[in-house]
N, C-alpha and C. Protein backbone atom coordinates (compact mmCIF):
# COMPACT_ATOMS: atom_id res chain seq x y z
N UNK A 1 12.70 -4.29 -6.50
CA UNK A 1 11.73 -4.43 -5.44
C UNK A 1 11.20 -5.85 -5.44
N UNK A 2 11.02 -6.37 -4.26
CA UNK A 2 10.37 -7.65 -4.09
C UNK A 2 8.95 -7.37 -3.59
N UNK A 3 7.97 -8.01 -4.22
CA UNK A 3 6.58 -7.77 -3.88
C UNK A 3 5.87 -9.10 -3.70
N UNK A 4 5.37 -9.31 -2.50
CA UNK A 4 4.62 -10.53 -2.18
C UNK A 4 3.19 -10.12 -1.90
N UNK A 5 2.24 -10.83 -2.51
CA UNK A 5 0.83 -10.56 -2.25
C UNK A 5 0.15 -11.85 -1.84
N UNK A 6 -0.83 -11.72 -0.96
CA UNK A 6 -1.62 -12.87 -0.56
C UNK A 6 -2.95 -12.40 0.00
N UNK A 7 -3.94 -13.23 -0.13
CA UNK A 7 -5.28 -12.93 0.38
C UNK A 7 -5.37 -13.47 1.79
N UNK A 8 -5.74 -12.62 2.73
CA UNK A 8 -5.93 -13.02 4.12
C UNK A 8 -7.32 -12.59 4.53
N UNK A 9 -8.21 -13.56 4.63
CA UNK A 9 -9.60 -13.28 4.97
C UNK A 9 -10.20 -12.35 3.92
N UNK A 10 -10.62 -11.16 4.32
CA UNK A 10 -11.26 -10.23 3.40
C UNK A 10 -10.31 -9.13 2.91
N UNK A 11 -9.03 -9.29 3.18
CA UNK A 11 -8.04 -8.25 2.86
C UNK A 11 -6.91 -8.85 2.02
N UNK A 12 -6.46 -8.08 1.02
CA UNK A 12 -5.28 -8.47 0.25
C UNK A 12 -4.08 -7.80 0.90
N UNK A 13 -3.06 -8.59 1.20
CA UNK A 13 -1.86 -8.10 1.87
C UNK A 13 -0.73 -7.98 0.85
N UNK A 14 -0.07 -6.83 0.87
CA UNK A 14 1.09 -6.58 0.02
C UNK A 14 2.29 -6.37 0.94
N UNK A 15 3.37 -7.09 0.67
CA UNK A 15 4.62 -6.89 1.41
C UNK A 15 5.66 -6.41 0.43
N UNK A 16 6.15 -5.18 0.65
CA UNK A 16 7.12 -4.56 -0.25
C UNK A 16 8.50 -4.56 0.39
N UNK A 17 9.50 -4.89 -0.41
CA UNK A 17 10.88 -4.91 0.06
C UNK A 17 11.76 -4.25 -1.00
N UNK A 18 12.64 -3.36 -0.56
CA UNK A 18 13.55 -2.71 -1.49
C UNK A 18 13.15 -1.29 -1.80
N UNK A 19 12.92 -1.01 -3.10
CA UNK A 19 12.65 0.35 -3.56
C UNK A 19 11.35 0.40 -4.36
N UNK A 20 10.54 1.43 -4.09
CA UNK A 20 9.35 1.69 -4.88
C UNK A 20 9.61 3.01 -5.61
N UNK A 21 10.04 2.88 -6.86
CA UNK A 21 10.47 4.05 -7.63
C UNK A 21 9.93 3.96 -9.06
N UNK A 22 10.45 4.77 -9.94
CA UNK A 22 9.95 4.82 -11.31
C UNK A 22 10.09 3.47 -12.03
N UNK A 23 11.07 2.68 -11.66
CA UNK A 23 11.25 1.38 -12.30
C UNK A 23 10.32 0.31 -11.74
N UNK A 24 9.99 0.40 -10.46
CA UNK A 24 9.22 -0.67 -9.82
C UNK A 24 7.75 -0.32 -9.56
N UNK A 25 7.42 0.96 -9.58
CA UNK A 25 6.03 1.37 -9.31
C UNK A 25 5.04 0.76 -10.30
N UNK A 26 5.38 0.64 -11.60
CA UNK A 26 4.43 0.01 -12.51
C UNK A 26 4.08 -1.43 -12.13
N UNK A 27 5.04 -2.18 -11.62
CA UNK A 27 4.78 -3.55 -11.17
C UNK A 27 3.79 -3.55 -10.00
N UNK A 28 4.01 -2.64 -9.06
CA UNK A 28 3.10 -2.52 -7.91
C UNK A 28 1.69 -2.18 -8.41
N UNK A 29 1.58 -1.22 -9.30
CA UNK A 29 0.28 -0.83 -9.85
C UNK A 29 -0.41 -2.01 -10.53
N UNK A 30 0.33 -2.75 -11.36
CA UNK A 30 -0.24 -3.87 -12.09
C UNK A 30 -0.79 -4.94 -11.14
N UNK A 31 -0.02 -5.25 -10.11
CA UNK A 31 -0.49 -6.27 -9.15
C UNK A 31 -1.74 -5.80 -8.43
N UNK A 32 -1.76 -4.53 -8.04
CA UNK A 32 -2.94 -3.99 -7.37
C UNK A 32 -4.15 -4.01 -8.30
N UNK A 33 -3.95 -3.60 -9.54
CA UNK A 33 -5.05 -3.56 -10.49
C UNK A 33 -5.60 -4.96 -10.79
N UNK A 34 -4.72 -5.96 -10.81
CA UNK A 34 -5.19 -7.34 -11.01
C UNK A 34 -6.11 -7.77 -9.87
N UNK A 35 -5.75 -7.42 -8.64
CA UNK A 35 -6.61 -7.75 -7.50
C UNK A 35 -7.92 -6.97 -7.59
N UNK A 36 -7.86 -5.72 -7.99
CA UNK A 36 -9.07 -4.92 -8.15
C UNK A 36 -10.01 -5.54 -9.18
N UNK A 37 -9.44 -6.04 -10.27
CA UNK A 37 -10.24 -6.67 -11.31
C UNK A 37 -10.98 -7.91 -10.82
N UNK A 38 -10.46 -8.55 -9.79
CA UNK A 38 -11.12 -9.74 -9.23
C UNK A 38 -12.17 -9.36 -8.19
N UNK A 39 -12.33 -8.05 -7.96
CA UNK A 39 -13.34 -7.60 -7.01
C UNK A 39 -12.83 -7.28 -5.63
N UNK A 40 -11.54 -7.44 -5.41
CA UNK A 40 -10.96 -7.12 -4.10
C UNK A 40 -10.85 -5.61 -3.97
N UNK A 41 -11.14 -5.10 -2.76
CA UNK A 41 -11.09 -3.65 -2.59
C UNK A 41 -10.53 -3.20 -1.23
N UNK A 42 -9.92 -4.12 -0.50
CA UNK A 42 -9.30 -3.77 0.77
C UNK A 42 -7.85 -4.26 0.76
N UNK A 43 -6.92 -3.29 0.78
CA UNK A 43 -5.50 -3.60 0.67
C UNK A 43 -4.75 -3.13 1.92
N UNK A 44 -4.00 -4.05 2.54
CA UNK A 44 -3.11 -3.72 3.65
C UNK A 44 -1.67 -3.86 3.12
N UNK A 45 -0.88 -2.82 3.29
CA UNK A 45 0.46 -2.79 2.72
C UNK A 45 1.50 -2.72 3.84
N UNK A 46 2.37 -3.73 3.87
CA UNK A 46 3.46 -3.80 4.86
C UNK A 46 4.69 -3.13 4.25
N UNK A 47 5.13 -2.03 4.86
CA UNK A 47 6.28 -1.28 4.36
C UNK A 47 7.52 -1.46 5.22
N UNK A 48 7.51 -2.46 6.09
CA UNK A 48 8.61 -2.67 7.03
C UNK A 48 9.96 -2.88 6.39
N UNK A 49 9.97 -3.41 5.16
CA UNK A 49 11.24 -3.66 4.49
C UNK A 49 11.44 -2.80 3.24
N UNK A 50 10.58 -1.79 3.10
CA UNK A 50 10.76 -0.85 1.99
C UNK A 50 11.80 0.18 2.41
N UNK A 51 12.86 0.29 1.63
CA UNK A 51 13.98 1.17 1.98
C UNK A 51 13.86 2.55 1.36
N UNK A 52 13.14 2.64 0.25
CA UNK A 52 13.10 3.90 -0.51
C UNK A 52 11.79 4.01 -1.25
N UNK A 53 11.24 5.21 -1.29
CA UNK A 53 10.06 5.49 -2.12
C UNK A 53 10.26 6.83 -2.81
N UNK A 54 10.00 6.86 -4.11
CA UNK A 54 10.14 8.10 -4.87
C UNK A 54 8.77 8.70 -5.12
N UNK A 55 8.76 9.82 -5.82
CA UNK A 55 7.49 10.45 -6.17
C UNK A 55 6.66 9.52 -7.07
N UNK A 56 7.31 8.71 -7.88
CA UNK A 56 6.57 7.74 -8.71
C UNK A 56 5.88 6.70 -7.83
N UNK A 57 6.51 6.31 -6.74
CA UNK A 57 5.89 5.38 -5.80
C UNK A 57 4.70 6.01 -5.10
N UNK A 58 4.84 7.26 -4.72
CA UNK A 58 3.72 7.99 -4.09
C UNK A 58 2.57 8.10 -5.08
N UNK A 59 2.88 8.43 -6.31
CA UNK A 59 1.85 8.54 -7.34
C UNK A 59 1.10 7.22 -7.51
N UNK A 60 1.82 6.11 -7.50
CA UNK A 60 1.17 4.79 -7.62
C UNK A 60 0.23 4.53 -6.46
N UNK A 61 0.66 4.86 -5.27
CA UNK A 61 -0.18 4.67 -4.09
C UNK A 61 -1.46 5.49 -4.21
N UNK A 62 -1.32 6.74 -4.62
CA UNK A 62 -2.49 7.60 -4.75
C UNK A 62 -3.43 7.13 -5.85
N UNK A 63 -2.87 6.63 -6.94
CA UNK A 63 -3.68 6.09 -8.04
C UNK A 63 -4.49 4.88 -7.55
N UNK A 64 -3.84 3.97 -6.85
CA UNK A 64 -4.53 2.78 -6.34
C UNK A 64 -5.57 3.18 -5.30
N UNK A 65 -5.23 4.13 -4.45
CA UNK A 65 -6.19 4.59 -3.44
C UNK A 65 -7.45 5.15 -4.10
N UNK A 66 -7.28 5.89 -5.17
CA UNK A 66 -8.42 6.46 -5.89
C UNK A 66 -9.30 5.36 -6.46
N UNK A 67 -8.69 4.34 -7.02
CA UNK A 67 -9.44 3.21 -7.57
C UNK A 67 -10.17 2.44 -6.46
N UNK A 68 -9.49 2.26 -5.34
CA UNK A 68 -10.11 1.56 -4.20
C UNK A 68 -11.31 2.33 -3.68
N UNK A 69 -11.17 3.64 -3.58
CA UNK A 69 -12.27 4.47 -3.08
C UNK A 69 -13.48 4.37 -4.00
N UNK A 70 -13.23 4.31 -5.30
CA UNK A 70 -14.32 4.19 -6.27
C UNK A 70 -15.09 2.89 -6.10
N UNK A 71 -14.44 1.88 -5.50
CA UNK A 71 -15.09 0.59 -5.26
C UNK A 71 -15.47 0.42 -3.78
N UNK A 72 -15.56 1.55 -3.07
CA UNK A 72 -15.88 1.53 -1.63
C UNK A 72 -14.90 0.68 -0.84
N UNK A 73 -13.65 0.70 -1.25
CA UNK A 73 -12.61 -0.06 -0.58
C UNK A 73 -11.74 0.82 0.29
N UNK A 74 -10.59 0.29 0.66
CA UNK A 74 -9.69 1.05 1.51
C UNK A 74 -8.27 0.56 1.43
N UNK A 75 -7.36 1.37 1.95
CA UNK A 75 -5.93 1.12 1.93
C UNK A 75 -5.37 1.50 3.29
N UNK A 76 -4.58 0.61 3.88
CA UNK A 76 -3.93 0.89 5.16
C UNK A 76 -2.48 0.42 5.08
N UNK A 77 -1.61 1.09 5.83
CA UNK A 77 -0.18 0.77 5.82
C UNK A 77 0.28 0.31 7.19
N UNK A 78 1.33 -0.52 7.19
CA UNK A 78 1.90 -0.95 8.46
C UNK A 78 3.42 -0.90 8.40
N UNK A 79 4.00 -0.83 9.59
CA UNK A 79 5.45 -0.90 9.82
C UNK A 79 6.25 0.10 9.00
N UNK A 80 5.74 1.31 8.89
CA UNK A 80 6.45 2.35 8.14
C UNK A 80 7.55 2.95 9.01
N UNK A 81 8.71 3.17 8.42
CA UNK A 81 9.82 3.73 9.21
C UNK A 81 10.87 4.34 8.29
N UNK A 82 11.86 4.95 8.88
CA UNK A 82 13.00 5.48 8.16
C UNK A 82 12.68 6.50 7.11
N UNK A 83 13.35 6.39 5.98
CA UNK A 83 13.21 7.33 4.88
C UNK A 83 11.79 7.34 4.34
N UNK A 84 11.16 6.19 4.28
CA UNK A 84 9.79 6.09 3.77
C UNK A 84 8.84 6.88 4.66
N UNK A 85 9.04 6.80 5.95
CA UNK A 85 8.22 7.56 6.89
C UNK A 85 8.40 9.07 6.67
N UNK A 86 9.61 9.49 6.45
CA UNK A 86 9.88 10.91 6.20
C UNK A 86 9.17 11.38 4.93
N UNK A 87 9.25 10.59 3.87
CA UNK A 87 8.59 10.95 2.61
C UNK A 87 7.08 11.01 2.79
N UNK A 88 6.51 10.04 3.52
CA UNK A 88 5.07 10.05 3.77
C UNK A 88 4.66 11.31 4.54
N UNK A 89 5.48 11.71 5.49
CA UNK A 89 5.19 12.94 6.24
C UNK A 89 5.23 14.17 5.34
N UNK A 90 6.26 14.27 4.53
CA UNK A 90 6.41 15.43 3.65
C UNK A 90 5.28 15.49 2.63
N UNK A 91 4.90 14.33 2.09
CA UNK A 91 3.87 14.27 1.05
C UNK A 91 2.44 14.36 1.62
N UNK A 92 2.32 14.31 2.93
CA UNK A 92 1.00 14.39 3.54
C UNK A 92 0.21 13.10 3.49
N UNK A 93 0.87 11.99 3.25
CA UNK A 93 0.21 10.69 3.14
C UNK A 93 -0.35 10.24 4.50
N UNK A 94 0.32 10.63 5.57
CA UNK A 94 -0.12 10.22 6.91
C UNK A 94 -1.55 10.62 7.20
N UNK A 95 -1.98 11.74 6.68
CA UNK A 95 -3.33 12.21 6.99
C UNK A 95 -4.39 11.55 6.11
N UNK A 96 -3.98 10.79 5.11
CA UNK A 96 -4.94 10.19 4.17
C UNK A 96 -5.30 8.74 4.46
N UNK A 97 -4.41 8.01 5.12
CA UNK A 97 -4.59 6.57 5.30
C UNK A 97 -4.27 6.15 6.74
N UNK A 98 -4.86 5.03 7.17
CA UNK A 98 -4.46 4.48 8.47
C UNK A 98 -3.00 4.02 8.43
N UNK A 99 -2.24 4.39 9.45
CA UNK A 99 -0.86 3.96 9.61
C UNK A 99 -0.80 3.12 10.87
N UNK A 100 -0.40 1.87 10.74
CA UNK A 100 -0.51 0.93 11.85
C UNK A 100 0.85 0.33 12.20
N UNK A 101 0.96 -0.14 13.42
CA UNK A 101 2.20 -0.73 13.89
C UNK A 101 2.42 -2.13 13.31
N UNK A 102 1.32 -2.85 13.04
CA UNK A 102 1.45 -4.21 12.54
C UNK A 102 0.53 -4.43 11.35
N UNK A 103 0.83 -5.45 10.59
CA UNK A 103 0.01 -5.82 9.44
C UNK A 103 -1.38 -6.27 9.89
N UNK A 104 -1.46 -6.98 10.99
CA UNK A 104 -2.76 -7.42 11.51
C UNK A 104 -3.63 -6.22 11.87
N UNK A 105 -3.02 -5.20 12.47
CA UNK A 105 -3.76 -3.98 12.82
C UNK A 105 -4.23 -3.26 11.55
N UNK A 106 -3.39 -3.21 10.53
CA UNK A 106 -3.77 -2.58 9.26
C UNK A 106 -4.95 -3.32 8.63
N UNK A 107 -4.88 -4.65 8.62
CA UNK A 107 -5.97 -5.45 8.05
C UNK A 107 -7.27 -5.24 8.84
N UNK A 108 -7.17 -5.13 10.15
CA UNK A 108 -8.36 -4.92 10.99
C UNK A 108 -9.01 -3.57 10.69
N UNK A 109 -8.22 -2.58 10.31
CA UNK A 109 -8.75 -1.25 9.97
C UNK A 109 -9.64 -1.29 8.74
N UNK A 110 -9.47 -2.31 7.91
CA UNK A 110 -10.14 -2.38 6.61
C UNK A 110 -11.36 -3.28 6.59
N UNK A 111 -11.57 -4.03 7.62
CA UNK A 111 -12.70 -4.95 7.60
C UNK A 111 -14.02 -4.20 7.70
N UNK A 112 -15.04 -4.68 6.96
CA UNK A 112 -16.33 -3.99 6.95
C UNK A 112 -17.04 -3.99 8.29
């Protein structure tokens, strides 16, 4: 998995490419937790180039979401499609988080 993170205004943007599975989910968690430790609590995640997500990836997302909620933060997703979209539907993730067409729209959902 390729993971790019950057701070844009009041939101931390994550761009995921490849696979979010048992091998790569710990890296995603670590990067998120490092941002949380710096006081950041609004994460927009671009899934446009994520090809695969496993139950370990879903677990990581839910773990980070729980931590964000504890800090009065939020999590929004953008550009979800294909297999990842199917998994999100089956797992019920769609009803838990904003799902947006673009990264800018996801970031706007998170601003105070």
